[in-house]
Amino acid sequence: MSPGSRRRQWKVSLRGAIERHEHLDADAISCDNRCQLGQWLHGAGGRRNGTQPKFMALPEEHRKFHEAAGEVARRINAGQMDDATRMLDSGSAFARSSGDVAVALNRVRRGF
């Protein structure tokens, strides 16, 4: 599964949790080093490419994505389903951070 597909899957999973009023591990979701991309960024990818200008934005954008996803999960856990739903809409921090990760990934791919 591509990183873009995984980010879309996060949105689908969060929407499903809203619909089912499912409790989520918001702290785990907020961690940017547990997913496949995060493990690469914090491991081999970061060691190999961390000083490359086109790479440098990617870890921060990825961190922001997980932070936004974690905030959605916290709203779901608090029973604030309308807020959580809005937090997944276009223009939200979640949507912006997802797009920013995609842009940063594309820059990295073109740069190497």
PDB file of N, CA and C in Angstrom:
ATOM      1  N   MET A   1       0.855  -1.174   0.000  1.00  0.00           N
ATOM      2  CA  MET A   1       0.000   0.000   0.000  1.00  0.00           C
ATOM      3  C   MET A   1       0.901   1.238   0.000  1.00  0.00           C
ATOM      4  N   SER A   2       0.578   2.204  -0.826  1.00  0.00           N
ATOM      5  CA  SER A   2       1.385   3.423  -0.920  1.00  0.00           C
ATOM      6  C   SER A   2       1.109   4.336   0.275  1.00  0.00           C
ATOM      7  N   PRO A   3       2.045   5.262   0.560  1.00  0.00           N
ATOM      8  CA  PRO A   3       1.792   6.211   1.659  1.00  0.00           C
ATOM      9  C   PRO A   3       0.494   6.998   1.467  1.00  0.00           C
ATOM     10  N   GLY A   4       0.181   7.366   0.220  1.00  0.00           N
ATOM     11  CA  GLY A   4      -1.065   8.086  -0.037  1.00  0.00           C
ATOM     12  C   GLY A   4      -2.284   7.244   0.298  1.00  0.00           C
ATOM     13  N   SER A   5      -2.223   5.972  -0.060  1.00  0.00           N
ATOM     14  CA  SER A   5      -3.325   5.059   0.265  1.00  0.00           C
ATOM     15  C   SER A   5      -3.473   4.898   1.767  1.00  0.00           C
ATOM     16  N   ARG A   6      -2.351   4.856   2.472  1.00  0.00           N
ATOM     17  CA  ARG A   6      -2.414   4.716   3.932  1.00  0.00           C
ATOM     18  C   ARG A   6      -3.031   5.964   4.573  1.00  0.00           C
ATOM     19  N   ARG A   7      -2.695   7.152   4.056  1.00  0.00           N
ATOM     20  CA  ARG A   7      -3.298   8.374   4.617  1.00  0.00           C
ATOM     21  C   ARG A   7      -4.802   8.386   4.359  1.00  0.00           C
ATOM     22  N   ARG A   8      -5.219   7.973   3.165  1.00  0.00           N
ATOM     23  CA  ARG A   8      -6.659   7.888   2.878  1.00  0.00           C
ATOM     24  C   ARG A   8      -7.319   6.859   3.793  1.00  0.00           C
ATOM     25  N   GLN A   9      -6.620   5.771   4.069  1.00  0.00           N
ATOM     26  CA  GLN A   9      -7.160   4.742   4.959  1.00  0.00           C
ATOM     27  C   GLN A   9      -7.353   5.287   6.371  1.00  0.00           C
ATOM     28  N   TRP A  10      -6.455   6.169   6.822  1.00  0.00           N
ATOM     29  CA  TRP A  10      -6.636   6.811   8.131  1.00  0.00           C
ATOM     30  C   TRP A  10      -7.974   7.539   8.160  1.00  0.00           C
ATOM     31  N   LYS A  11      -8.262   8.287   7.098  1.00  0.00           N
ATOM     32  CA  LYS A  11      -9.512   9.052   7.056  1.00  0.00           C
ATOM     33  C   LYS A  11     -10.716   8.109   7.091  1.00  0.00           C
ATOM     34  N   VAL A  12     -10.661   7.052   6.310  1.00  0.00           N
ATOM     35  CA  VAL A  12     -11.747   6.064   6.292  1.00  0.00           C
ATOM     36  C   VAL A  12     -11.908   5.437   7.677  1.00  0.00           C
ATOM     37  N   SER A  13     -10.801   5.085   8.301  1.00  0.00           N
ATOM     38  CA  SER A  13     -10.853   4.466   9.633  1.00  0.00           C
ATOM     39  C   SER A  13     -11.426   5.418  10.675  1.00  0.00           C
ATOM     40  N   LEU A  14     -11.012   6.677  10.613  1.00  0.00           N
ATOM     41  CA  LEU A  14     -11.529   7.659  11.574  1.00  0.00           C
ATOM     42  C   LEU A  14     -13.021   7.900  11.353  1.00  0.00           C
ATOM     43  N   ARG A  15     -13.442   7.987  10.091  1.00  0.00           N
ATOM     44  CA  ARG A  15     -14.883   8.145   9.816  1.00  0.00           C
ATOM     45  C   ARG A  15     -15.666   6.931  10.333  1.00  0.00           C
ATOM     46  N   GLY A  16     -15.116   5.750  10.150  1.00  0.00           N
ATOM     47  CA  GLY A  16     -15.761   4.540  10.667  1.00  0.00           C
ATOM     48  C   GLY A  16     -15.872   4.566  12.180  1.00  0.00           C
ATOM     49  N   ALA A  17     -14.830   5.047  12.843  1.00  0.00           N
ATOM     50  CA  ALA A  17     -14.855   5.145  14.309  1.00  0.00           C
ATOM     51  C   ALA A  17     -15.917   6.136  14.762  1.00  0.00           C
ATOM     52  N   ILE A  18     -16.097   7.207  13.996  1.00  0.00           N
ATOM     53  CA  ILE A  18     -17.146   8.183  14.313  1.00  0.00           C
ATOM     54  C   ILE A  18     -18.510   7.502  14.217  1.00  0.00           C
ATOM     55  N   GLU A  19     -18.731   6.796  13.126  1.00  0.00           N
ATOM     56  CA  GLU A  19     -20.025   6.142  12.909  1.00  0.00           C
ATOM     57  C   GLU A  19     -20.324   5.092  13.977  1.00  0.00           C
ATOM     58  N   ARG A  20     -19.304   4.378  14.415  1.00  0.00           N
ATOM     59  CA  ARG A  20     -19.499   3.294  15.386  1.00  0.00           C
ATOM     60  C   ARG A  20     -19.303   3.741  16.832  1.00  0.00           C
ATOM     61  N   HIS A  21     -18.964   5.037  17.015  1.00  0.00           N
ATOM     62  CA  HIS A  21     -18.670   5.556  18.361  1.00  0.00           C
ATOM     63  C   HIS A  21     -17.613   4.683  19.037  1.00  0.00           C
ATOM     64  N   GLU A  22     -16.586   4.390  18.292  1.00  0.00           N
ATOM     65  CA  GLU A  22     -15.526   3.469  18.709  1.00  0.00           C
ATOM     66  C   GLU A  22     -14.447   4.219  19.493  1.00  0.00           C
ATOM     67  N   HIS A  23     -13.985   3.652  20.574  1.00  0.00           N
ATOM     68  CA  HIS A  23     -12.881   4.252  21.333  1.00  0.00           C
ATOM     69  C   HIS A  23     -11.567   3.950  20.616  1.00  0.00           C
ATOM     70  N   LEU A  24     -10.712   4.968  20.498  1.00  0.00           N
ATOM     71  CA  LEU A  24      -9.434   4.832  19.800  1.00  0.00           C
ATOM     72  C   LEU A  24      -8.276   5.136  20.737  1.00  0.00           C
ATOM     73  N   ASP A  25      -7.120   4.614  20.428  1.00  0.00           N
ATOM     74  CA  ASP A  25      -5.904   4.921  21.176  1.00  0.00           C
ATOM     75  C   ASP A  25      -5.298   6.191  20.577  1.00  0.00           C
ATOM     76  N   ALA A  26      -5.770   7.335  21.050  1.00  0.00           N
ATOM     77  CA  ALA A  26      -5.363   8.623  20.490  1.00  0.00           C
ATOM     78  C   ALA A  26      -3.871   8.871  20.655  1.00  0.00           C
ATOM     79  N   ASP A  27      -3.303   8.421  21.758  1.00  0.00           N
ATOM     80  CA  ASP A  27      -1.861   8.613  21.958  1.00  0.00           C
ATOM     81  C   ASP A  27      -1.060   7.833  20.919  1.00  0.00           C
ATOM     82  N   ALA A  28      -1.469   6.617  20.641  1.00  0.00           N
ATOM     83  CA  ALA A  28      -0.771   5.814  19.629  1.00  0.00           C
ATOM     84  C   ALA A  28      -0.937   6.432  18.245  1.00  0.00           C
ATOM     85  N   ILE A  29      -2.135   6.900  17.937  1.00  0.00           N
ATOM     86  CA  ILE A  29      -2.383   7.524  16.639  1.00  0.00           C
ATOM     87  C   ILE A  29      -1.523   8.769  16.475  1.00  0.00           C
ATOM     88  N   SER A  30      -1.311   9.498  17.552  1.00  0.00           N
ATOM     89  CA  SER A  30      -0.506  10.723  17.512  1.00  0.00           C
ATOM     90  C   SER A  30       0.980  10.455  17.294  1.00  0.00           C
ATOM     91  N   CYS A  31       1.426   9.250  17.578  1.00  0.00           N
ATOM     92  CA  CYS A  31       2.854   8.913  17.417  1.00  0.00           C
ATOM     93  C   CYS A  31       3.195   8.788  15.938  1.00  0.00           C
ATOM     94  N   ASP A  32       4.209   9.506  15.531  1.00  0.00           N
ATOM     95  CA  ASP A  32       4.578   9.497  14.115  1.00  0.00           C
ATOM     96  C   ASP A  32       5.647   8.464  13.775  1.00  0.00           C
ATOM     97  N   ASN A  33       5.992   7.609  14.720  1.00  0.00           N
ATOM     98  CA  ASN A  33       7.048   6.633  14.447  1.00  0.00           C
ATOM     99  C   ASN A  33       6.549   5.186  14.456  1.00  0.00           C
ATOM    100  N   ARG A  34       5.240   4.991  14.426  1.00  0.00           N
ATOM    101  CA  ARG A  34       4.690   3.631  14.484  1.00  0.00           C
ATOM    102  C   ARG A  34       4.250   3.109  13.124  1.00  0.00           C
ATOM    103  N   CYS A  35       3.892   3.998  12.220  1.00  0.00           N
ATOM    104  CA  CYS A  35       3.464   3.564  10.894  1.00  0.00           C
ATOM    105  C   CYS A  35       4.703   3.277  10.035  1.00  0.00           C
ATOM    106  N   GLN A  36       4.481   2.685   8.886  1.00  0.00           N
ATOM    107  CA  GLN A  36       5.594   2.302   8.015  1.00  0.00           C
ATOM    108  C   GLN A  36       6.426   3.516   7.598  1.00  0.00           C
ATOM    109  N   LEU A  37       5.777   4.592   7.188  1.00  0.00           N
ATOM    110  CA  LEU A  37       6.521   5.791   6.792  1.00  0.00           C
ATOM    111  C   LEU A  37       7.286   6.358   7.979  1.00  0.00           C
ATOM    112  N   GLY A  38       6.655   6.414   9.128  1.00  0.00           N
ATOM    113  CA  GLY A  38       7.306   6.941  10.318  1.00  0.00           C
ATOM    114  C   GLY A  38       8.515   6.120  10.735  1.00  0.00           C
ATOM    115  N   GLN A  39       8.398   4.808  10.624  1.00  0.00           N
ATOM    116  CA  GLN A  39       9.539   3.956  10.956  1.00  0.00           C
ATOM    117  C   GLN A  39      10.705   4.230  10.007  1.00  0.00           C
ATOM    118  N   TRP A  40      10.401   4.439   8.738  1.00  0.00           N
ATOM    119  CA  TRP A  40      11.445   4.754   7.763  1.00  0.00           C
ATOM    120  C   TRP A  40      12.045   6.131   8.043  1.00  0.00           C
ATOM    121  N   LEU A  41      11.183   7.119   8.318  1.00  0.00           N
ATOM    122  CA  LEU A  41      11.669   8.478   8.587  1.00  0.00           C
ATOM    123  C   LEU A  41      12.562   8.524   9.819  1.00  0.00           C
ATOM    124  N   HIS A  42      12.175   7.785  10.856  1.00  0.00           N
ATOM    125  CA  HIS A  42      12.935   7.785  12.108  1.00  0.00           C
ATOM    126  C   HIS A  42      14.088   6.782  12.087  1.00  0.00           C
ATOM    127  N   GLY A  43      14.155   5.987  11.036  1.00  0.00           N
ATOM    128  CA  GLY A  43      15.193   4.969  10.932  1.00  0.00           C
ATOM    129  C   GLY A  43      16.091   5.205   9.732  1.00  0.00           C
ATOM    130  N   ALA A  44      16.097   4.222   8.837  1.00  0.00           N
ATOM    131  CA  ALA A  44      17.024   4.230   7.704  1.00  0.00           C
ATOM    132  C   ALA A  44      16.860   5.453   6.807  1.00  0.00           C
ATOM    133  N   GLY A  45      15.637   5.848   6.535  1.00  0.00           N
ATOM    134  CA  GLY A  45      15.413   7.008   5.667  1.00  0.00           C
ATOM    135  C   GLY A  45      15.989   8.280   6.244  1.00  0.00           C
ATOM    136  N   GLY A  46      15.773   8.478   7.527  1.00  0.00           N
ATOM    137  CA  GLY A  46      16.308   9.664   8.186  1.00  0.00           C
ATOM    138  C   GLY A  46      17.823   9.654   8.254  1.00  0.00           C
ATOM    139  N   ARG A  47      18.381   8.496   8.532  1.00  0.00           N
ATOM    140  CA  ARG A  47      19.854   8.400   8.600  1.00  0.00           C
ATOM    141  C   ARG A  47      20.482   8.663   7.238  1.00  0.00           C
ATOM    142  N   ARG A  48      19.873   8.120   6.193  1.00  0.00           N
ATOM    143  CA  ARG A  48      20.423   8.263   4.849  1.00  0.00           C
ATOM    144  C   ARG A  48      20.180   9.634   4.242  1.00  0.00           C
ATOM    145  N   ASN A  49      19.018  10.209   4.524  1.00  0.00           N
ATOM    146  CA  ASN A  49      18.585  11.394   3.782  1.00  0.00           C
ATOM    147  C   ASN A  49      18.351  12.630   4.630  1.00  0.00           C
ATOM    148  N   GLY A  50      18.554  12.530   5.921  1.00  0.00           N
ATOM    149  CA  GLY A  50      18.194  13.600   6.845  1.00  0.00           C
ATOM    150  C   GLY A  50      18.788  14.958   6.552  1.00  0.00           C
ATOM    151  N   THR A  51      19.912  15.019   5.868  1.00  0.00           N
ATOM    152  CA  THR A  51      20.532  16.316   5.567  1.00  0.00           C
ATOM    153  C   THR A  51      20.169  16.832   4.181  1.00  0.00           C
ATOM    154  N   GLN A  52      19.424  16.045   3.418  1.00  0.00           N
ATOM    155  CA  GLN A  52      19.019  16.471   2.076  1.00  0.00           C
ATOM    156  C   GLN A  52      17.913  17.521   2.190  1.00  0.00           C
ATOM    157  N   PRO A  53      18.088  18.680   1.546  1.00  0.00           N
ATOM    158  CA  PRO A  53      17.080  19.747   1.658  1.00  0.00           C
ATOM    159  C   PRO A  53      15.663  19.297   1.300  1.00  0.00           C
ATOM    160  N   LYS A  54      15.514  18.475   0.274  1.00  0.00           N
ATOM    161  CA  LYS A  54      14.168  18.053  -0.138  1.00  0.00           C
ATOM    162  C   LYS A  54      13.545  17.074   0.853  1.00  0.00           C
ATOM    163  N   PHE A  55      14.353  16.480   1.687  1.00  0.00           N
ATOM    164  CA  PHE A  55      13.867  15.516   2.676  1.00  0.00           C
ATOM    165  C   PHE A  55      13.441  16.196   3.971  1.00  0.00           C
ATOM    166  N   MET A  56      14.069  17.298   4.300  1.00  0.00           N
ATOM    167  CA  MET A  56      13.961  17.882   5.640  1.00  0.00           C
ATOM    168  C   MET A  56      12.537  18.238   6.067  1.00  0.00           C
ATOM    169  N   ALA A  57      11.664  18.604   5.150  1.00  0.00           N
ATOM    170  CA  ALA A  57      10.294  18.974   5.518  1.00  0.00           C
ATOM    171  C   ALA A  57       9.421  17.757   5.809  1.00  0.00           C
ATOM    172  N   LEU A  58       9.748  16.631   5.229  1.00  0.00           N
ATOM    173  CA  LEU A  58       8.873  15.457   5.327  1.00  0.00           C
ATOM    174  C   LEU A  58       8.633  14.981   6.762  1.00  0.00           C
ATOM    175  N   PRO A  59       9.654  14.832   7.590  1.00  0.00           N
ATOM    176  CA  PRO A  59       9.372  14.367   8.958  1.00  0.00           C
ATOM    177  C   PRO A  59       8.430  15.300   9.732  1.00  0.00           C
ATOM    178  N   GLU A  60       8.591  16.606   9.558  1.00  0.00           N
ATOM    179  CA  GLU A  60       7.722  17.557  10.267  1.00  0.00           C
ATOM    180  C   GLU A  60       6.287  17.489   9.752  1.00  0.00           C
ATOM    181  N   GLU A  61       6.121  17.412   8.442  1.00  0.00           N
ATOM    182  CA  GLU A  61       4.765  17.312   7.877  1.00  0.00           C
ATOM    183  C   GLU A  61       4.105  16.008   8.321  1.00  0.00           C
ATOM    184  N   HIS A  62       4.866  14.946   8.371  1.00  0.00           N
ATOM    185  CA  HIS A  62       4.343  13.659   8.822  1.00  0.00           C
ATOM    186  C   HIS A  62       3.932  13.729  10.293  1.00  0.00           C
ATOM    187  N   ARG A  63       4.738  14.397  11.113  1.00  0.00           N
ATOM    188  CA  ARG A  63       4.409  14.572  12.536  1.00  0.00           C
ATOM    189  C   ARG A  63       3.096  15.339  12.683  1.00  0.00           C
ATOM    190  N   LYS A  64       2.934  16.403  11.895  1.00  0.00           N
ATOM    191  CA  LYS A  64       1.700  17.203  11.954  1.00  0.00           C
ATOM    192  C   LYS A  64       0.481  16.367  11.564  1.00  0.00           C
ATOM    193  N   PHE A  65       0.643  15.491  10.572  1.00  0.00           N
ATOM    194  CA  PHE A  65      -0.455  14.620  10.161  1.00  0.00           C
ATOM    195  C   PHE A  65      -0.910  13.742  11.327  1.00  0.00           C
ATOM    196  N   HIS A  66       0.048  13.116  11.996  1.00  0.00           N
ATOM    197  CA  HIS A  66      -0.313  12.247  13.123  1.00  0.00           C
ATOM    198  C   HIS A  66      -0.888  13.053  14.287  1.00  0.00           C
ATOM    199  N   GLU A  67      -0.385  14.246  14.492  1.00  0.00           N
ATOM    200  CA  GLU A  67      -0.935  15.119  15.536  1.00  0.00           C
ATOM    201  C   GLU A  67      -2.403  15.431  15.235  1.00  0.00           C
ATOM    202  N   ALA A  68      -2.701  15.771  13.978  1.00  0.00           N
ATOM    203  CA  ALA A  68      -4.084  16.079  13.589  1.00  0.00           C
ATOM    204  C   ALA A  68      -4.974  14.842  13.715  1.00  0.00           C
ATOM    205  N   ALA A  69      -4.484  13.688  13.278  1.00  0.00           N
ATOM    206  CA  ALA A  69      -5.267  12.452  13.394  1.00  0.00           C
ATOM    207  C   ALA A  69      -5.531  12.120  14.859  1.00  0.00           C
ATOM    208  N   GLY A  70      -4.539  12.343  15.709  1.00  0.00           N
ATOM    209  CA  GLY A  70      -4.711  12.101  17.141  1.00  0.00           C
ATOM    210  C   GLY A  70      -5.756  13.014  17.757  1.00  0.00           C
ATOM    211  N   GLU A  71      -5.800  14.258  17.294  1.00  0.00           N
ATOM    212  CA  GLU A  71      -6.817  15.194  17.798  1.00  0.00           C
ATOM    213  C   GLU A  71      -8.217  14.748  17.392  1.00  0.00           C
ATOM    214  N   VAL A  72      -8.360  14.255  16.170  1.00  0.00           N
ATOM    215  CA  VAL A  72      -9.658  13.716  15.743  1.00  0.00           C
ATOM    216  C   VAL A  72     -10.041  12.553  16.660  1.00  0.00           C
ATOM    217  N   ALA A  73      -9.095  11.668  16.926  1.00  0.00           N
ATOM    218  CA  ALA A  73      -9.366  10.517  17.801  1.00  0.00           C
ATOM    219  C   ALA A  73      -9.782  10.974  19.199  1.00  0.00           C
ATOM    220  N   ARG A  74      -9.154  12.015  19.710  1.00  0.00           N
ATOM    221  CA  ARG A  74      -9.524  12.523  21.043  1.00  0.00           C
ATOM    222  C   ARG A  74     -10.959  13.046  21.044  1.00  0.00           C
ATOM    223  N   ARG A  75     -11.368  13.711  19.985  1.00  0.00           N
ATOM    224  CA  ARG A  75     -12.761  14.186  19.898  1.00  0.00           C
ATOM    225  C   ARG A  75     -13.726  13.012  19.840  1.00  0.00           C
ATOM    226  N   ILE A  76     -13.362  12.001  19.076  1.00  0.00           N
ATOM    227  CA  ILE A  76     -14.210  10.803  19.004  1.00  0.00           C
ATOM    228  C   ILE A  76     -14.353  10.195  20.397  1.00  0.00           C
ATOM    229  N   ASN A  77     -13.240  10.054  21.098  1.00  0.00           N
ATOM    230  CA  ASN A  77     -13.265   9.459  22.442  1.00  0.00           C
ATOM    231  C   ASN A  77     -14.080  10.290  23.421  1.00  0.00           C
ATOM    232  N   ALA A  78     -14.136  11.606  23.190  1.00  0.00           N
ATOM    233  CA  ALA A  78     -14.904  12.495  24.063  1.00  0.00           C
ATOM    234  C   ALA A  78     -16.379  12.547  23.666  1.00  0.00           C
ATOM    235  N   GLY A  79     -16.744  11.790  22.629  1.00  0.00           N
ATOM    236  CA  GLY A  79     -18.132  11.780  22.176  1.00  0.00           C
ATOM    237  C   GLY A  79     -18.510  12.993  21.349  1.00  0.00           C
ATOM    238  N   GLN A  80     -17.542  13.744  20.901  1.00  0.00           N
ATOM    239  CA  GLN A  80     -17.778  14.958  20.105  1.00  0.00           C
ATOM    240  C   GLN A  80     -17.729  14.603  18.618  1.00  0.00           C
ATOM    241  N   MET A  81     -18.707  13.821  18.194  1.00  0.00           N
ATOM    242  CA  MET A  81     -18.697  13.264  16.844  1.00  0.00           C
ATOM    243  C   MET A  81     -18.839  14.332  15.764  1.00  0.00           C
ATOM    244  N   ASP A  82     -19.659  15.364  16.007  1.00  0.00           N
ATOM    245  CA  ASP A  82     -19.800  16.431  15.012  1.00  0.00           C
ATOM    246  C   ASP A  82     -18.479  17.164  14.820  1.00  0.00           C
ATOM    247  N   ASP A  83     -17.801  17.467  15.923  1.00  0.00           N
ATOM    248  CA  ASP A  83     -16.486  18.118  15.830  1.00  0.00           C
ATOM    249  C   ASP A  83     -15.497  17.219  15.103  1.00  0.00           C
ATOM    250  N   ALA A  84     -15.485  15.945  15.457  1.00  0.00           N
ATOM    251  CA  ALA A  84     -14.559  15.003  14.819  1.00  0.00           C
ATOM    252  C   ALA A  84     -14.816  14.931  13.318  1.00  0.00           C
ATOM    253  N   THR A  85     -16.080  14.908  12.931  1.00  0.00           N
ATOM    254  CA  THR A  85     -16.428  14.868  11.508  1.00  0.00           C
ATOM    255  C   THR A  85     -15.919  16.113  10.801  1.00  0.00           C
ATOM    256  N   ARG A  86     -16.144  17.277  11.391  1.00  0.00           N
ATOM    257  CA  ARG A  86     -15.659  18.535  10.794  1.00  0.00           C
ATOM    258  C   ARG A  86     -14.138  18.543  10.680  1.00  0.00           C
ATOM    259  N   MET A  87     -13.478  17.913  11.639  1.00  0.00           N
ATOM    260  CA  MET A  87     -12.013  17.896  11.635  1.00  0.00           C
ATOM    261  C   MET A  87     -11.442  17.049  10.494  1.00  0.00           C
ATOM    262  N   LEU A  88     -12.276  16.284   9.815  1.00  0.00           N
ATOM    263  CA  LEU A  88     -11.835  15.492   8.662  1.00  0.00           C
ATOM    264  C   LEU A  88     -12.183  16.157   7.335  1.00  0.00           C
ATOM    265  N   ASP A  89     -12.959  17.238   7.381  1.00  0.00           N
ATOM    266  CA  ASP A  89     -13.414  17.900   6.163  1.00  0.00           C
ATOM    267  C   ASP A  89     -12.287  18.624   5.437  1.00  0.00           C
ATOM    268  N   SER A  90     -12.547  18.981   4.182  1.00  0.00           N
ATOM    269  CA  SER A  90     -11.614  19.800   3.401  1.00  0.00           C
ATOM    270  C   SER A  90     -11.280  21.063   4.162  1.00  0.00           C
ATOM    271  N   GLY A  91     -10.040  21.470   4.092  1.00  0.00           N
ATOM    272  CA  GLY A  91      -9.603  22.688   4.756  1.00  0.00           C
ATOM    273  C   GLY A  91      -9.238  22.510   6.213  1.00  0.00           C
ATOM    274  N   SER A  92      -9.502  21.341   6.767  1.00  0.00           N
ATOM    275  CA  SER A  92      -9.174  21.086   8.174  1.00  0.00           C
ATOM    276  C   SER A  92      -7.670  20.863   8.326  1.00  0.00           C
ATOM    277  N   ALA A  93      -7.198  20.906   9.563  1.00  0.00           N
ATOM    278  CA  ALA A  93      -5.782  20.620   9.832  1.00  0.00           C
ATOM    279  C   ALA A  93      -5.430  19.214   9.348  1.00  0.00           C
ATOM    280  N   PHE A  94      -6.337  18.270   9.531  1.00  0.00           N
ATOM    281  CA  PHE A  94      -6.101  16.904   9.068  1.00  0.00           C
ATOM    282  C   PHE A  94      -5.932  16.882   7.551  1.00  0.00           C
ATOM    283  N   ALA A  95      -6.857  17.511   6.830  1.00  0.00           N
ATOM    284  CA  ALA A  95      -6.791  17.519   5.364  1.00  0.00           C
ATOM    285  C   ALA A  95      -5.546  18.249   4.871  1.00  0.00           C
ATOM    286  N   ARG A  96      -5.244  19.396   5.485  1.00  0.00           N
ATOM    287  CA  ARG A  96      -4.047  20.150   5.078  1.00  0.00           C
ATOM    288  C   ARG A  96      -2.785  19.338   5.323  1.00  0.00           C
ATOM    289  N   SER A  97      -2.704  18.729   6.488  1.00  0.00           N
ATOM    290  CA  SER A  97      -1.482  17.978   6.803  1.00  0.00           C
ATOM    291  C   SER A  97      -1.342  16.761   5.892  1.00  0.00           C
ATOM    292  N   SER A  98      -2.438  16.137   5.537  1.00  0.00           N
ATOM    293  CA  SER A  98      -2.382  15.011   4.611  1.00  0.00           C
ATOM    294  C   SER A  98      -1.842  15.473   3.260  1.00  0.00           C
ATOM    295  N   GLY A  99      -2.350  16.594   2.775  1.00  0.00           N
ATOM    296  CA  GLY A  99      -1.855  17.155   1.517  1.00  0.00           C
ATOM    297  C   GLY A  99      -0.400  17.569   1.603  1.00  0.00           C
ATOM    298  N   ASP A 100      -0.013  18.136   2.742  1.00  0.00           N
ATOM    299  CA  ASP A 100       1.378  18.571   2.921  1.00  0.00           C
ATOM    300  C   ASP A 100       2.338  17.384   2.935  1.00  0.00           C
ATOM    301  N   VAL A 101       1.911  16.267   3.512  1.00  0.00           N
ATOM    302  CA  VAL A 101       2.744  15.059   3.477  1.00  0.00           C
ATOM    303  C   VAL A 101       2.901  14.593   2.031  1.00  0.00           C
ATOM    304  N   ALA A 102       1.815  14.617   1.271  1.00  0.00           N
ATOM    305  CA  ALA A 102       1.877  14.191  -0.131  1.00  0.00           C
ATOM    306  C   ALA A 102       2.849  15.063  -0.924  1.00  0.00           C
ATOM    307  N   VAL A 103       2.784  16.373  -0.726  1.00  0.00           N
ATOM    308  CA  VAL A 103       3.690  17.293  -1.423  1.00  0.00           C
ATOM    309  C   VAL A 103       5.135  17.009  -1.030  1.00  0.00           C
ATOM    310  N   ALA A 104       5.382  16.861   0.262  1.00  0.00           N
ATOM    311  CA  ALA A 104       6.748  16.599   0.739  1.00  0.00           C
ATOM    312  C   ALA A 104       7.267  15.264   0.203  1.00  0.00           C
ATOM    313  N   LEU A 105       6.413  14.251   0.174  1.00  0.00           N
ATOM    314  CA  LEU A 105       6.825  12.953  -0.371  1.00  0.00           C
ATOM    315  C   LEU A 105       7.179  13.065  -1.850  1.00  0.00           C
ATOM    316  N   ASN A 106       6.373  13.806  -2.594  1.00  0.00           N
ATOM    317  CA  ASN A 106       6.659  13.985  -4.021  1.00  0.00           C
ATOM    318  C   ASN A 106       7.981  14.701  -4.231  1.00  0.00           C
ATOM    319  N   ARG A 107       8.276  15.693  -3.406  1.00  0.00           N
ATOM    320  CA  ARG A 107       9.563  16.390  -3.510  1.00  0.00           C
ATOM    321  C   ARG A 107      10.715  15.429  -3.244  1.00  0.00           C
ATOM    322  N   VAL A 108      10.540  14.599  -2.231  1.00  0.00           N
ATOM    323  CA  VAL A 108      11.585  13.623  -1.905  1.00  0.00           C
ATOM    324  C   VAL A 108      11.782  12.668  -3.077  1.00  0.00           C
ATOM    325  N   ARG A 109      10.702  12.168  -3.623  1.00  0.00           N
ATOM    326  CA  ARG A 109      10.800  11.209  -4.736  1.00  0.00           C
ATOM    327  C   ARG A 109      11.488  11.828  -5.947  1.00  0.00           C
ATOM    328  N   ARG A 110      11.172  13.079  -6.232  1.00  0.00           N
ATOM    329  CA  ARG A 110      11.797  13.753  -7.380  1.00  0.00           C
ATOM    330  C   ARG A 110      13.257  14.085  -7.113  1.00  0.00           C
ATOM    331  N   GLY A 111      13.585  14.276  -5.837  1.00  0.00           N
ATOM    332  CA  GLY A 111      14.935  14.705  -5.489  1.00  0.00           C
ATOM    333  C   GLY A 111      15.954  13.591  -5.408  1.00  0.00           C
ATOM    334  N   PHE A 112      15.505  12.347  -5.343  1.00  0.00           N
ATOM    335  CA  PHE A 112      16.460  11.238  -5.173  1.00  0.00           C
ATOM    336  C   PHE A 112      16.504  10.378  -6.412  1.00  0.00           C
TER     337      PHE A 112
END
